[in-house]
Each structure stands twice: as C-alpha cells, then as structure tokens.
C-alpha atoms as a PDB file:
ATOM      1  CA  MET A   1       1.689 -22.669  14.903  1.00  0.00           C
ATOM      2  CA  GLY A   2       2.997 -23.619  11.487  1.00  0.00           C
ATOM      3  CA  LYS A   3       6.362 -22.817   9.957  1.00  0.00           C
ATOM      4  CA  ASN A   4       7.426 -19.780   7.969  1.00  0.00           C
ATOM      5  CA  PRO A   5       6.397 -19.737   4.309  1.00  0.00           C
ATOM      6  CA  GLU A   6       9.212 -20.715   1.976  1.00  0.00           C
ATOM      7  CA  HIS A   7       7.767 -18.894  -1.008  1.00  0.00           C
ATOM      8  CA  ILE A   8       5.894 -15.570  -0.882  1.00  0.00           C
ATOM      9  CA  GLY A   9       4.182 -13.804  -3.769  1.00  0.00           C
ATOM     10  CA  ILE A  10       3.481 -10.064  -3.594  1.00  0.00           C
ATOM     11  CA  ILE A  11       1.233  -7.862  -5.735  1.00  0.00           C
ATOM     12  CA  LEU A  12       2.983  -4.512  -5.455  1.00  0.00           C
ATOM     13  CA  ASP A  13      -0.012  -2.192  -5.597  1.00  0.00           C
ATOM     14  CA  GLY A  14      -0.597   1.440  -4.672  1.00  0.00           C
ATOM     15  CA  ASN A  15       2.545   3.205  -5.899  1.00  0.00           C
ATOM     16  CA  ARG A  16       0.685   5.927  -7.807  1.00  0.00           C
ATOM     17  CA  ARG A  17      -1.882   6.548  -5.072  1.00  0.00           C
ATOM     18  CA  PHE A  18       0.893   6.959  -2.507  1.00  0.00           C
ATOM     19  CA  ALA A  19       2.696   9.492  -4.717  1.00  0.00           C
ATOM     20  CA  LYS A  20      -0.512  11.493  -5.203  1.00  0.00           C
ATOM     21  CA  ARG A  21      -0.900  11.727  -1.442  1.00  0.00           C
ATOM     22  CA  LEU A  22       2.532  13.342  -1.328  1.00  0.00           C
ATOM     23  CA  ASN A  23       1.600  15.699  -4.186  1.00  0.00           C
ATOM     24  CA  LEU A  24       4.164  14.046  -6.431  1.00  0.00           C
ATOM     25  CA  ASN A  25       3.831  13.052 -10.056  1.00  0.00           C
ATOM     26  CA  PRO A  26       1.755   9.817  -9.856  1.00  0.00           C
ATOM     27  CA  TRP A  27       4.344   7.576 -11.480  1.00  0.00           C
ATOM     28  CA  LYS A  28       7.064   8.924  -9.185  1.00  0.00           C
ATOM     29  CA  GLY A  29       5.548   6.382  -6.814  1.00  0.00           C
ATOM     30  CA  HIS A  30       7.080   3.570  -8.865  1.00  0.00           C
ATOM     31  CA  GLU A  31      10.531   4.844  -7.932  1.00  0.00           C
ATOM     32  CA  LEU A  32       9.549   4.849  -4.259  1.00  0.00           C
ATOM     33  CA  GLY A  33       8.262   1.312  -4.736  1.00  0.00           C
ATOM     34  CA  PHE A  34      11.557   0.253  -6.284  1.00  0.00           C
ATOM     35  CA  GLU A  35      13.460   1.580  -3.283  1.00  0.00           C
ATOM     36  CA  LYS A  36      11.183  -0.467  -1.027  1.00  0.00           C
ATOM     37  CA  LEU A  37      12.024  -3.619  -3.005  1.00  0.00           C
ATOM     38  CA  LYS A  38      15.682  -3.266  -2.054  1.00  0.00           C
ATOM     39  CA  LYS A  39      14.676  -3.446   1.600  1.00  0.00           C
ATOM     40  CA  LEU A  40      12.325  -6.367   0.970  1.00  0.00           C
ATOM     41  CA  PHE A  41      15.154  -8.582  -0.259  1.00  0.00           C
ATOM     42  CA  LYS A  42      17.066  -7.999   2.989  1.00  0.00           C
ATOM     43  CA  TRP A  43      13.998  -8.637   5.148  1.00  0.00           C
ATOM     44  CA  CYS A  44      13.275 -11.909   3.387  1.00  0.00           C
ATOM     45  CA  LYS A  45      16.811 -13.129   3.916  1.00  0.00           C
ATOM     46  CA  GLU A  46      16.665 -12.232   7.612  1.00  0.00           C
ATOM     47  CA  LEU A  47      13.361 -14.112   7.926  1.00  0.00           C
ATOM     48  CA  GLU A  48      14.721 -17.078   5.934  1.00  0.00           C
ATOM     49  CA  ILE A  49      12.218 -16.692   3.093  1.00  0.00           C
ATOM     50  CA  LYS A  50      13.876 -18.608   0.281  1.00  0.00           C
ATOM     51  CA  GLU A  51      11.754 -17.419  -2.644  1.00  0.00           C
ATOM     52  CA  ILE A  52       9.661 -14.395  -3.586  1.00  0.00           C
ATOM     53  CA  THR A  53       7.576 -13.728  -6.696  1.00  0.00           C
ATOM     54  CA  LEU A  54       6.807 -10.076  -7.409  1.00  0.00           C
ATOM     55  CA  TYR A  55       4.011  -8.786  -9.642  1.00  0.00           C
ATOM     56  CA  CYS A  56       5.583  -5.632 -11.056  1.00  0.00           C
ATOM     57  CA  PHE A  57       3.981  -5.049 -14.478  1.00  0.00           C
ATOM     58  CA  SER A  58       0.887  -6.727 -15.886  1.00  0.00           C
ATOM     59  CA  MET A  59      -0.161  -7.160 -19.500  1.00  0.00           C
ATOM     60  CA  GLN A  60      -2.877  -4.602 -18.839  1.00  0.00           C
ATOM     61  CA  ASN A  61      -0.251  -2.062 -17.736  1.00  0.00           C
ATOM     62  CA  PHE A  62       0.722  -1.605 -21.372  1.00  0.00           C
ATOM     63  CA  ASN A  63      -2.353   0.653 -21.491  1.00  0.00           C
ATOM     64  CA  ARG A  64      -0.725   3.197 -19.191  1.00  0.00           C
ATOM     65  CA  PRO A  65       0.043   6.681 -20.608  1.00  0.00           C
ATOM     66  CA  LYS A  66       3.171   6.755 -22.788  1.00  0.00           C
ATOM     67  CA  LYS A  67       5.005   9.084 -20.411  1.00  0.00           C
ATOM     68  CA  GLU A  68       4.433   6.702 -17.513  1.00  0.00           C
ATOM     69  CA  PHE A  69       5.318   3.659 -19.627  1.00  0.00           C
ATOM     70  CA  ASP A  70       8.614   5.256 -20.713  1.00  0.00           C
ATOM     71  CA  TYR A  71       9.345   6.171 -17.105  1.00  0.00           C
ATOM     72  CA  LEU A  72       8.780   2.562 -16.058  1.00  0.00           C
ATOM     73  CA  MET A  73      11.002   1.201 -18.812  1.00  0.00           C
ATOM     74  CA  ASP A  74      13.820   3.501 -17.704  1.00  0.00           C
ATOM     75  CA  LEU A  75      13.260   2.365 -14.118  1.00  0.00           C
ATOM     76  CA  PHE A  76      13.362  -1.323 -15.125  1.00  0.00           C
ATOM     77  CA  GLU A  77      16.555  -0.758 -17.090  1.00  0.00           C
ATOM     78  CA  LYS A  78      18.147   0.991 -14.125  1.00  0.00           C
ATOM     79  CA  GLY A  79      16.863  -1.638 -11.703  1.00  0.00           C
ATOM     80  CA  PHE A  80      18.183  -4.654 -13.594  1.00  0.00           C
ATOM     81  CA  ASN A  81      21.488  -2.899 -14.091  1.00  0.00           C
ATOM     82  CA  GLU A  82      21.761  -2.439 -10.320  1.00  0.00           C
ATOM     83  CA  VAL A  83      20.791  -6.056  -9.665  1.00  0.00           C
ATOM     84  CA  SER A  84      23.471  -7.402 -12.009  1.00  0.00           C
ATOM     85  CA  THR A  85      26.192  -5.556 -10.065  1.00  0.00           C
ATOM     86  CA  ASN A  86      24.715  -6.034  -6.585  1.00  0.00           C
ATOM     87  CA  GLU A  87      27.236  -7.789  -4.323  1.00  0.00           C
ATOM     88  CA  ASP A  88      24.563  -9.509  -2.234  1.00  0.00           C
ATOM     89  CA  ILE A  89      23.045 -11.185  -5.306  1.00  0.00           C
ATOM     90  CA  HIS A  90      26.305 -13.007  -5.888  1.00  0.00           C
ATOM     91  CA  LYS A  91      27.335 -13.382  -2.254  1.00  0.00           C
ATOM     92  CA  TYR A  92      24.084 -15.110  -1.262  1.00  0.00           C
ATOM     93  CA  LYS A  93      23.621 -16.995  -4.558  1.00  0.00           C
ATOM     94  CA  ILE A  94      20.284 -15.396  -5.427  1.00  0.00           C
ATOM     95  CA  ARG A  95      18.787 -16.614  -8.678  1.00  0.00           C
ATOM     96  CA  VAL A  96      16.806 -13.932 -10.515  1.00  0.00           C
ATOM     97  CA  ASN A  97      14.109 -15.127 -12.887  1.00  0.00           C
ATOM     98  CA  VAL A  98      11.788 -12.955 -15.001  1.00  0.00           C
ATOM     99  CA  ILE A  99       8.406 -14.372 -15.970  1.00  0.00           C
ATOM    100  CA  GLY A 100       5.954 -13.045 -18.537  1.00  0.00           C
ATOM    101  CA  ARG A 101       5.993 -11.780 -22.116  1.00  0.00           C
ATOM    102  CA  HIS A 102       8.893  -9.411 -21.486  1.00  0.00           C
ATOM    103  CA  TYR A 103       9.911  -9.825 -25.133  1.00  0.00           C
ATOM    104  CA  LEU A 104       7.306  -7.070 -25.668  1.00  0.00           C
ATOM    105  CA  PHE A 105       9.529  -4.591 -23.821  1.00  0.00           C
ATOM    106  CA  PRO A 106      12.029  -2.264 -25.543  1.00  0.00           C
ATOM    107  CA  GLU A 107      15.197  -4.038 -26.609  1.00  0.00           C
ATOM    108  CA  LYS A 108      17.390  -2.194 -24.111  1.00  0.00           C
ATOM    109  CA  VAL A 109      15.250  -3.498 -21.235  1.00  0.00           C
ATOM    110  CA  GLN A 110      15.262  -7.025 -22.665  1.00  0.00           C
ATOM    111  CA  GLU A 111      19.063  -6.942 -22.785  1.00  0.00           C
ATOM    112  CA  LYS A 112      19.309  -6.005 -19.092  1.00  0.00           C
ATOM    113  CA  ILE A 113      16.833  -8.760 -18.170  1.00  0.00           C
ATOM    114  CA  LYS A 114      18.787 -11.365 -20.143  1.00  0.00           C
ATOM    115  CA  LYS A 115      22.042 -10.283 -18.514  1.00  0.00           C
ATOM    116  CA  VAL A 116      20.686 -10.745 -14.972  1.00  0.00           C
ATOM    117  CA  ILE A 117      19.116 -14.113 -15.799  1.00  0.00           C
ATOM    118  CA  ASP A 118      22.374 -15.365 -17.348  1.00  0.00           C
ATOM    119  CA  LEU A 119      24.508 -14.086 -14.458  1.00  0.00           C
ATOM    120  CA  THR A 120      22.406 -15.827 -11.813  1.00  0.00           C
ATOM    121  CA  LYS A 121      21.130 -18.943 -13.606  1.00  0.00           C
ATOM    122  CA  ASP A 122      23.389 -21.284 -11.590  1.00  0.00           C
ATOM    123  CA  TYR A 123      22.429 -19.823  -8.198  1.00  0.00           C
ATOM    124  CA  ASN A 124      19.875 -21.698  -6.099  1.00  0.00           C
ATOM    125  CA  ASP A 125      20.205 -20.635  -2.460  1.00  0.00           C
ATOM    126  CA  TYR A 126      17.497 -17.980  -2.912  1.00  0.00           C
ATOM    127  CA  ARG A 127      15.141 -17.103  -5.764  1.00  0.00           C
ATOM    128  CA  ILE A 128      13.519 -13.883  -6.914  1.00  0.00           C
ATOM    129  CA  ASN A 129      10.885 -14.224  -9.638  1.00  0.00           C
ATOM    130  CA  ILE A 130       9.873 -10.914 -11.230  1.00  0.00           C
ATOM    131  CA  ALA A 131       6.593 -10.898 -13.143  1.00  0.00           C
ATOM    132  CA  LEU A 132       6.858  -8.408 -16.010  1.00  0.00           C
ATOM    133  CA  ALA A 133       4.413  -8.130 -18.916  1.00  0.00           C
ATOM    134  CA  TYR A 134       2.734 -10.912 -16.970  1.00  0.00           C
ATOM    135  CA  GLY A 135      -0.812 -12.217 -17.015  1.00  0.00           C
ATOM    136  CA  GLY A 136      -2.019 -15.479 -15.522  1.00  0.00           C
ATOM    137  CA  ARG A 137      -4.408 -16.283 -18.349  1.00  0.00           C
ATOM    138  CA  GLU A 138      -1.713 -15.409 -20.870  1.00  0.00           C
ATOM    139  CA  GLU A 139       0.662 -17.748 -19.038  1.00  0.00           C
ATOM    140  CA  ILE A 140      -1.816 -20.622 -19.296  1.00  0.00           C
ATOM    141  CA  ILE A 141      -2.468 -19.927 -22.989  1.00  0.00           C
ATOM    142  CA  ASP A 142       1.281 -19.901 -23.688  1.00  0.00           C
ATOM    143  CA  ALA A 143       1.651 -23.185 -21.789  1.00  0.00           C
ATOM    144  CA  VAL A 144      -1.181 -24.759 -23.803  1.00  0.00           C
ATOM    145  CA  LYS A 145       0.582 -23.742 -27.011  1.00  0.00           C
ATOM    146  CA  LYS A 146       3.844 -25.301 -25.798  1.00  0.00           C
ATOM    147  CA  VAL A 147       2.122 -28.560 -24.901  1.00  0.00           C
ATOM    148  CA  ALA A 148       0.254 -28.633 -28.215  1.00  0.00           C
ATOM    149  CA  GLU A 149       3.507 -28.083 -30.108  1.00  0.00           C
ATOM    150  CA  LYS A 150       5.143 -30.970 -28.240  1.00  0.00           C
ATOM    151  CA  VAL A 151       2.218 -33.255 -29.041  1.00  0.00           C
ATOM    152  CA  LYS A 152       2.351 -32.149 -32.676  1.00  0.00           C
ATOM    153  CA  ASP A 153       6.103 -32.886 -32.836  1.00  0.00           C
ATOM    154  CA  LYS A 154       5.527 -36.243 -31.098  1.00  0.00           C
ATOM    155  CA  GLU A 155       7.688 -35.174 -28.144  1.00  0.00           C
ATOM    156  CA  LEU A 156       4.754 -35.712 -25.783  1.00  0.00           C
ATOM    157  CA  ASP A 157       1.978 -38.276 -25.864  1.00  0.00           C
ATOM    158  CA  ILE A 158      -1.471 -36.826 -25.236  1.00  0.00           C
ATOM    159  CA  ASP A 159      -2.113 -39.492 -22.572  1.00  0.00           C
ATOM    160  CA  ASP A 160       0.889 -38.217 -20.612  1.00  0.00           C
ATOM    161  CA  ILE A 161      -0.577 -34.736 -20.169  1.00  0.00           C
ATOM    162  CA  ASN A 162      -1.389 -34.172 -16.500  1.00  0.00           C
ATOM    163  CA  GLU A 163      -1.042 -31.395 -13.942  1.00  0.00           C
ATOM    164  CA  LYS A 164       2.652 -32.100 -13.439  1.00  0.00           C
ATOM    165  CA  THR A 165       3.613 -32.135 -17.118  1.00  0.00           C
ATOM    166  CA  PHE A 166       1.449 -29.080 -17.803  1.00  0.00           C
ATOM    167  CA  ALA A 167       2.990 -27.097 -14.928  1.00  0.00           C
ATOM    168  CA  LYS A 168       6.451 -27.641 -16.388  1.00  0.00           C
ATOM    169  CA  ASN A 169       5.388 -25.566 -19.382  1.00  0.00           C
ATOM    170  CA  LEU A 170       4.303 -22.560 -17.339  1.00  0.00           C
ATOM    171  CA  TYR A 171       6.548 -19.545 -16.827  1.00  0.00           C
ATOM    172  CA  LEU A 172       6.755 -20.545 -13.163  1.00  0.00           C
ATOM    173  CA  ASP A 173       6.387 -24.149 -11.997  1.00  0.00           C
ATOM    174  CA  ARG A 174       6.660 -23.264  -8.293  1.00  0.00           C
ATOM    175  CA  GLU A 175       3.740 -22.446  -5.985  1.00  0.00           C
ATOM    176  CA  PRO A 176       3.694 -19.652  -3.371  1.00  0.00           C
ATOM    177  CA  ASP A 177       2.687 -20.577   0.159  1.00  0.00           C
ATOM    178  CA  LEU A 178       1.520 -17.035   0.827  1.00  0.00           C
ATOM    179  CA  ILE A 179       0.459 -14.136  -1.413  1.00  0.00           C
ATOM    180  CA  ILE A 180       0.253 -10.539  -0.183  1.00  0.00           C
ATOM    181  CA  ARG A 181      -1.527  -7.725  -1.974  1.00  0.00           C
ATOM    182  CA  THR A 182      -0.908  -4.169  -0.832  1.00  0.00           C
ATOM    183  CA  GLY A 183      -2.967  -1.110  -1.721  1.00  0.00           C
ATOM    184  CA  GLY A 184      -6.386  -1.996  -0.346  1.00  0.00           C
ATOM    185  CA  GLU A 185      -7.805  -3.861  -3.344  1.00  0.00           C
ATOM    186  CA  LYS A 186      -9.197  -7.345  -2.683  1.00  0.00           C
ATOM    187  CA  ARG A 187      -8.829  -9.183  -5.962  1.00  0.00           C
ATOM    188  CA  THR A 188      -6.178 -11.420  -7.503  1.00  0.00           C
ATOM    189  CA  SER A 189      -5.827  -9.451 -10.764  1.00  0.00           C
ATOM    190  CA  ASN A 190      -4.686 -12.320 -12.997  1.00  0.00           C
ATOM    191  CA  PHE A 191      -1.723 -13.194 -10.753  1.00  0.00           C
ATOM    192  CA  LEU A 192      -0.616 -16.833 -10.731  1.00  0.00           C
ATOM    193  CA  PRO A 193      -4.081 -18.414 -11.175  1.00  0.00           C
ATOM    194  CA  TRP A 194      -2.600 -21.883 -11.678  1.00  0.00           C
ATOM    195  CA  GLN A 195       0.050 -21.716  -8.959  1.00  0.00           C
ATOM    196  CA  SER A 196      -2.046 -20.027  -6.265  1.00  0.00           C
ATOM    197  CA  ILE A 197      -4.923 -22.490  -5.852  1.00  0.00           C
ATOM    198  CA  TYR A 198      -3.742 -23.416  -2.332  1.00  0.00           C
ATOM    199  CA  SER A 199      -1.869 -20.219  -1.476  1.00  0.00           C
ATOM    200  CA  GLU A 200      -2.931 -18.267   1.587  1.00  0.00           C
ATOM    201  CA  TRP A 201      -3.930 -14.701   0.661  1.00  0.00           C
ATOM    202  CA  VAL A 202      -3.582 -11.546   2.754  1.00  0.00           C
ATOM    203  CA  PHE A 203      -4.874  -8.141   1.584  1.00  0.00           C
ATOM    204  CA  LEU A 204      -3.396  -5.019   3.161  1.00  0.00           C
ATOM    205  CA  GLU A 205      -4.695  -1.446   3.126  1.00  0.00           C
ATOM    206  CA  LYS A 206      -1.171  -0.022   3.069  1.00  0.00           C
ATOM    207  CA  THR A 207       0.235   0.875  -0.327  1.00  0.00           C
ATOM    208  CA  TRP A 208       3.457  -0.805  -1.417  1.00  0.00           C
ATOM    209  CA  PRO A 209       5.802   2.140  -0.629  1.00  0.00           C
ATOM    210  CA  GLU A 210       4.369   2.169   2.926  1.00  0.00           C
ATOM    211  CA  PHE A 211       5.043  -1.535   3.508  1.00  0.00           C
ATOM    212  CA  GLU A 212       7.560  -2.182   6.290  1.00  0.00           C
ATOM    213  CA  LYS A 213       9.363  -5.136   7.826  1.00  0.00           C
ATOM    214  CA  GLU A 214       6.862  -5.111  10.715  1.00  0.00           C
ATOM    215  CA  ASP A 215       4.043  -5.640   8.192  1.00  0.00           C
ATOM    216  CA  LEU A 216       5.841  -8.610   6.681  1.00  0.00           C
ATOM    217  CA  ILE A 217       6.404 -10.155  10.108  1.00  0.00           C
ATOM    218  CA  LYS A 218       2.757  -9.606  11.058  1.00  0.00           C
ATOM    219  CA  VAL A 219       1.524 -11.253   7.847  1.00  0.00           C
ATOM    220  CA  ILE A 220       3.853 -14.218   8.356  1.00  0.00           C
ATOM    221  CA  GLU A 221       2.574 -14.650  11.926  1.00  0.00           C
ATOM    222  CA  GLU A 222      -0.995 -14.660  10.622  1.00  0.00           C
ATOM    223  CA  TYR A 223      -0.030 -17.220   7.985  1.00  0.00           C
ATOM    224  CA  LYS A 224       1.542 -19.489  10.596  1.00  0.00           C
ATOM    225  CA  GLN A 225      -1.715 -19.581  12.543  1.00  0.00           C
ATOM    226  CA  ARG A 226      -3.789 -20.713   9.574  1.00  0.00           C
ATOM    227  CA  GLN A 227      -4.459 -24.389   8.986  1.00  0.00           C
ATOM    228  CA  ARG A 228      -3.520 -25.368   5.443  1.00  0.00           C
ATOM    229  CA  ARG A 229      -5.660 -28.400   4.606  1.00  0.00           C
ATOM    230  CA  PHE A 230      -5.085 -28.629   0.848  1.00  0.00           C
ATOM    231  CA  GLY A 231      -8.585 -29.994   0.415  1.00  0.00           C
ATOM    232  CA  LYS A 232      -8.175 -32.683   3.083  1.00  0.00           C
END
C-alpha cells in the first residue's frame, strides 16, 4: 500500500439537495456544509493531511438566485471572520489561501478574505486553499495574460516559457494527490484542470453535509491501494 495523500482537493457538492431532503430552504444546506468544513479541518490534521483545496463557489455560481447569492456572501463573511479568530489556525500554523476571481465579490467579503490571508501568510505547517469565484479555464486564461504581460515587459523570454514557469502564474501552483467529489455527480466541473492531470479521483454518492470522517478514511484507504504511474 502507498502512503497517505499530502494534498487533497474536494468538490463540496450536494448542499442544496441535502437541505431539500430535510424540507429546509435549499440554500440552508450551505450553512450545514459550512459546519461540516469545521470538522474536516480537524480530521485532516488527525490524519496528517498537510494541504486541502476546497471548491466552494464557482464562476458559474454567480448565476444563482439573488437571495441565495446574498445568503452565501453573508455566510462567507461570517466564515472568514471565524477563521481569522480561530485559535487552531494560529496554534497549528495553518496558512489560508483563497484562489479565484474573488475581487468580484462584495467589498465586505473581500476585506474578510484579505484579513485572513494577511494573518496567515507566514504559516506553512498546514495549508487550506479555498476556491471562490473559481474556474479552471478562467485560471488558465488569467495565467496566460500574466505570462504575456511579462513577455511584453521583457521580464520573461518567450523561450523560457515551460510547464514550470507557466504553473507559477496560476492561482495555485500545487497539485492535489487526491480529489473527492461528493453529491453523486461524476464530472470535474472546471476544477483544477491544470493541477489535476495526475490526481486520483473518487466520486461519492453522499452529499457534502453527509460526509463523515469514516468516508474520508475509506477514500484514503482506496487511494493508498492505487498504483500512481504518472505515465510511466
């Protein structure tokens, strides 16, 4: 058997469907999902997972109804406020990074995001990457623009452009070993297309609020039994 993954990505899907099952307002499920995230951080530390990347809000999610969008923005504001004052974040030196076009969010949410990033920027024992207003194709387009600007300003020679230099211009230049998608869907939905080319994928029927530590352990055990050849 192989070793535990060091970096896990998770597509947090199924919040609204779970809430509907409980006869709750559909977007009330996002709050239940947020509560589950708090447990996830503890599970990952116990299992010595050093890094997680969470797909929380895609570029396409801007098309959600205004009432749901406003609810989510309030939840993000509350969530980042809690993270900035969370004792474990500082005790265990957890670096919080936010990837995506989150400059499209309301200013009050942007301020909370910036605060958390600034407070934890020097921590490196653990990492949490939160994908907000994120899209994989958008990430690649933004990286292409950065590279083109550097070539234009003569900061980068066109002959020096390779996978390594390009990856440095992405929102996230780190690659997950394992990616989990909850909620029963079996597609990647524009999540980390560059970084996930050799990631192991697992698709679960359970929605995100139903996800438990036992599910995480089971997925990790499955991952450890796979042979990662990386094209060899």
